[in-house]
Amino acid sequence: MTDLLPPDPDDDLTGFKPRAIRDDAEMDITPMIDMVFLLLIYFLVCSSMVKDEVKLPHALYGTAVSDKQSLTLYVRDQEGRDPLVWQEGVSPFPTDPDRQAAAITQAVREAKDGGRTNVLVKIDRTLRQKQLEAVRRAISEVEGVSLFMAVDDRKK
């Protein structure tokens, strides 16, 4: 019966601990999981599994470059070293950068004198832009020549 009496103001309450707050606020996530599965089923049913082909538009202003009317140079990566450059039916150009640039410029000059003003460079797919820059610079030494590039992405 003493529990029902009001507390005495003279009593020392330092030994009492406050009540712990009960955390009953649990969230039921079952409806959210149901919604996720319903959305998944919806997108699976509504989506098409057919792979459509991508049709690229034709170039309006570009023209094809003929191998017979142009000088064709091949450039291949040598795994970090200077690129290997050669011309069809001719031995590869030197790998020394200065001698290679001179040989490329000479071949382009001879082709231009022979009436071929296009230079088609077929590049290995592993070649880096930095390695190609020296070849491009050597070709641009000859004025009046158009440079075209193609990437050979066949696996070697």
Protein backbone atom coordinates (compact mmCIF):
# COMPACT_ATOMS: atom_id res chain seq x y z
CA MET A 1 0.00 0.00 0.00
CA THR A 2 2.92 2.32 0.42
CA ASP A 3 3.38 2.44 -3.32
CA LEU A 4 0.22 4.47 -3.75
CA LEU A 5 1.30 7.29 -1.51
CA PRO A 6 2.69 10.45 -3.09
CA PRO A 7 6.47 10.78 -2.79
CA ASP A 8 7.80 12.58 0.20
CA PRO A 9 9.68 15.74 -0.82
CA ASP A 10 12.31 15.08 1.84
CA ASP A 11 13.18 11.65 0.42
CA ASP A 12 16.51 11.27 -1.35
CA LEU A 13 15.79 10.10 -4.93
CA THR A 14 19.41 9.68 -6.06
CA GLY A 15 19.22 5.89 -5.90
CA PHE A 16 16.39 5.73 -8.41
CA LYS A 17 17.04 5.35 -12.11
CA PRO A 18 14.74 6.86 -14.70
CA ARG A 19 12.65 4.46 -16.69
CA ALA A 20 14.14 3.22 -19.91
CA ILE A 21 12.27 4.41 -22.98
CA ARG A 22 10.80 1.46 -24.79
CA ASP A 23 11.58 1.39 -28.49
CA ASP A 24 8.63 -0.34 -30.08
CA ALA A 25 8.88 1.62 -33.35
CA GLU A 26 9.81 -1.26 -35.68
CA MET A 27 8.90 -0.83 -39.27
CA ASP A 28 7.33 -3.68 -41.18
CA ILE A 29 9.10 -3.83 -44.56
CA THR A 30 7.05 -6.70 -45.99
CA PRO A 31 4.84 -4.40 -48.13
CA MET A 32 7.94 -2.70 -49.52
CA ILE A 33 9.45 -6.06 -50.50
CA ASP A 34 6.16 -7.02 -52.15
CA MET A 35 6.22 -3.80 -54.17
CA VAL A 36 9.81 -4.40 -55.30
CA PHE A 37 8.92 -7.88 -56.54
CA LEU A 38 5.82 -6.57 -58.32
CA LEU A 39 7.88 -3.89 -60.06
CA LEU A 40 10.47 -6.47 -61.05
CA ILE A 41 7.81 -8.74 -62.54
CA TYR A 42 6.24 -5.75 -64.33
CA PHE A 43 9.51 -4.74 -66.00
CA LEU A 44 10.34 -8.33 -66.95
CA VAL A 45 6.96 -8.81 -68.60
CA CYS A 46 6.91 -5.42 -70.35
CA SER A 47 10.48 -5.38 -71.65
CA SER A 48 11.46 -7.06 -74.88
CA MET A 49 14.39 -9.43 -74.94
CA VAL A 50 15.01 -9.03 -78.67
CA LYS A 51 18.31 -7.38 -79.52
CA ASP A 52 17.65 -4.64 -82.06
CA GLU A 53 20.25 -3.80 -84.65
CA VAL A 54 21.64 -0.30 -84.60
CA LYS A 55 21.44 1.28 -88.03
CA LEU A 56 23.95 4.05 -88.45
CA PRO A 57 23.18 6.85 -90.90
CA HIS A 58 25.20 7.11 -94.08
CA ALA A 59 27.78 9.86 -94.32
CA LEU A 60 26.46 12.79 -96.29
CA TYR A 61 29.75 14.36 -97.32
CA GLY A 62 32.32 11.59 -96.97
CA THR A 63 33.73 9.65 -99.87
CA ALA A 64 35.44 6.30 -100.06
CA VAL A 65 39.19 6.19 -100.46
CA SER A 66 40.54 3.79 -103.05
CA ASP A 67 43.60 1.72 -102.17
CA LYS A 68 44.79 1.96 -105.77
CA GLN A 69 44.68 5.75 -105.89
CA SER A 70 46.39 6.31 -102.57
CA LEU A 71 49.56 5.43 -100.76
CA THR A 72 48.75 2.88 -98.05
CA LEU A 73 50.88 2.78 -94.93
CA TYR A 74 50.46 0.22 -92.17
CA VAL A 75 51.28 1.10 -88.57
CA ARG A 76 51.54 -1.56 -85.87
CA ASP A 77 52.23 -1.32 -82.16
CA GLN A 78 55.40 -2.94 -80.84
CA GLU A 79 54.33 -3.09 -77.18
CA GLY A 80 55.50 0.30 -75.98
CA ARG A 81 58.40 0.80 -78.37
CA ASP A 82 58.34 2.99 -81.48
CA PRO A 83 55.65 1.79 -83.92
CA LEU A 84 56.49 -0.40 -86.88
CA VAL A 85 55.56 1.35 -90.14
CA TRP A 86 55.65 -0.24 -93.57
CA GLN A 87 54.29 0.08 -97.07
CA GLU A 88 52.77 -2.84 -98.99
CA GLY A 89 55.49 -4.67 -100.91
CA VAL A 90 58.30 -2.63 -99.34
CA SER A 91 60.47 -3.51 -96.37
CA PRO A 92 59.48 -1.82 -93.08
CA PHE A 93 60.72 1.68 -92.44
CA PRO A 94 63.49 2.10 -89.84
CA THR A 95 62.35 2.13 -86.20
CA ASP A 96 64.59 5.04 -85.25
CA PRO A 97 62.15 7.98 -84.99
CA ASP A 98 64.20 10.46 -87.06
CA ARG A 99 65.04 8.00 -89.83
CA GLN A 100 61.47 6.68 -89.81
CA ALA A 101 60.03 10.18 -90.24
CA ALA A 102 62.41 10.90 -93.12
CA ALA A 103 61.51 7.60 -94.84
CA ILE A 104 57.77 8.23 -94.46
CA THR A 105 58.08 11.78 -95.84
CA GLN A 106 60.14 10.47 -98.80
CA ALA A 107 57.55 7.76 -99.58
CA VAL A 108 54.71 10.30 -99.46
CA ARG A 109 56.65 12.68 -101.72
CA GLU A 110 57.27 9.89 -104.26
CA ALA A 111 53.59 8.91 -104.17
CA LYS A 112 52.52 12.53 -104.72
CA ASP A 113 54.91 12.85 -107.66
CA GLY A 114 53.32 9.67 -109.04
CA GLY A 115 49.85 11.24 -108.89
CA ARG A 116 48.60 9.71 -105.65
CA THR A 117 47.59 12.59 -103.36
CA ASN A 118 45.82 10.49 -100.75
CA VAL A 119 47.61 8.72 -97.91
CA LEU A 120 45.65 5.93 -96.22
CA VAL A 121 47.09 4.90 -92.87
CA LYS A 122 45.84 1.54 -91.57
CA ILE A 123 46.43 1.45 -87.83
CA ASP A 124 46.66 -1.49 -85.47
CA ARG A 125 43.87 -1.36 -82.87
CA THR A 126 46.32 -1.41 -79.95
CA LEU A 127 48.27 1.63 -81.14
CA ARG A 128 48.21 4.68 -78.89
CA GLN A 129 47.53 8.22 -80.13
CA LYS A 130 50.96 9.34 -78.94
CA GLN A 131 52.68 6.71 -81.10
CA LEU A 132 50.69 7.74 -84.17
CA GLU A 133 51.53 11.42 -83.78
CA ALA A 134 55.06 11.05 -85.23
CA VAL A 135 53.70 9.26 -88.31
CA ARG A 136 51.03 11.94 -88.82
CA ARG A 137 53.61 14.70 -88.47
CA ALA A 138 55.91 13.05 -91.05
CA ILE A 139 53.05 12.76 -93.55
CA SER A 140 52.04 16.40 -93.05
CA GLU A 141 55.51 17.54 -94.12
CA VAL A 142 54.38 17.10 -97.73
CA GLU A 143 51.86 19.73 -98.82
CA GLY A 144 48.83 18.90 -100.94
CA VAL A 145 48.32 15.43 -99.52
CA SER A 146 45.09 14.25 -97.87
CA LEU A 147 45.43 11.96 -94.87
CA PHE A 148 42.88 9.22 -94.19
CA MET A 149 43.04 6.79 -91.27
CA ALA A 150 41.46 3.39 -90.75
CA VAL A 151 41.65 1.13 -87.71
CA ASP A 152 42.32 -2.55 -88.26
CA ASP A 153 40.54 -4.22 -85.36
CA ARG A 154 41.15 -7.80 -86.40
CA LYS A 155 42.80 -9.84 -83.68
CA LYS A 156 46.35 -10.72 -84.53
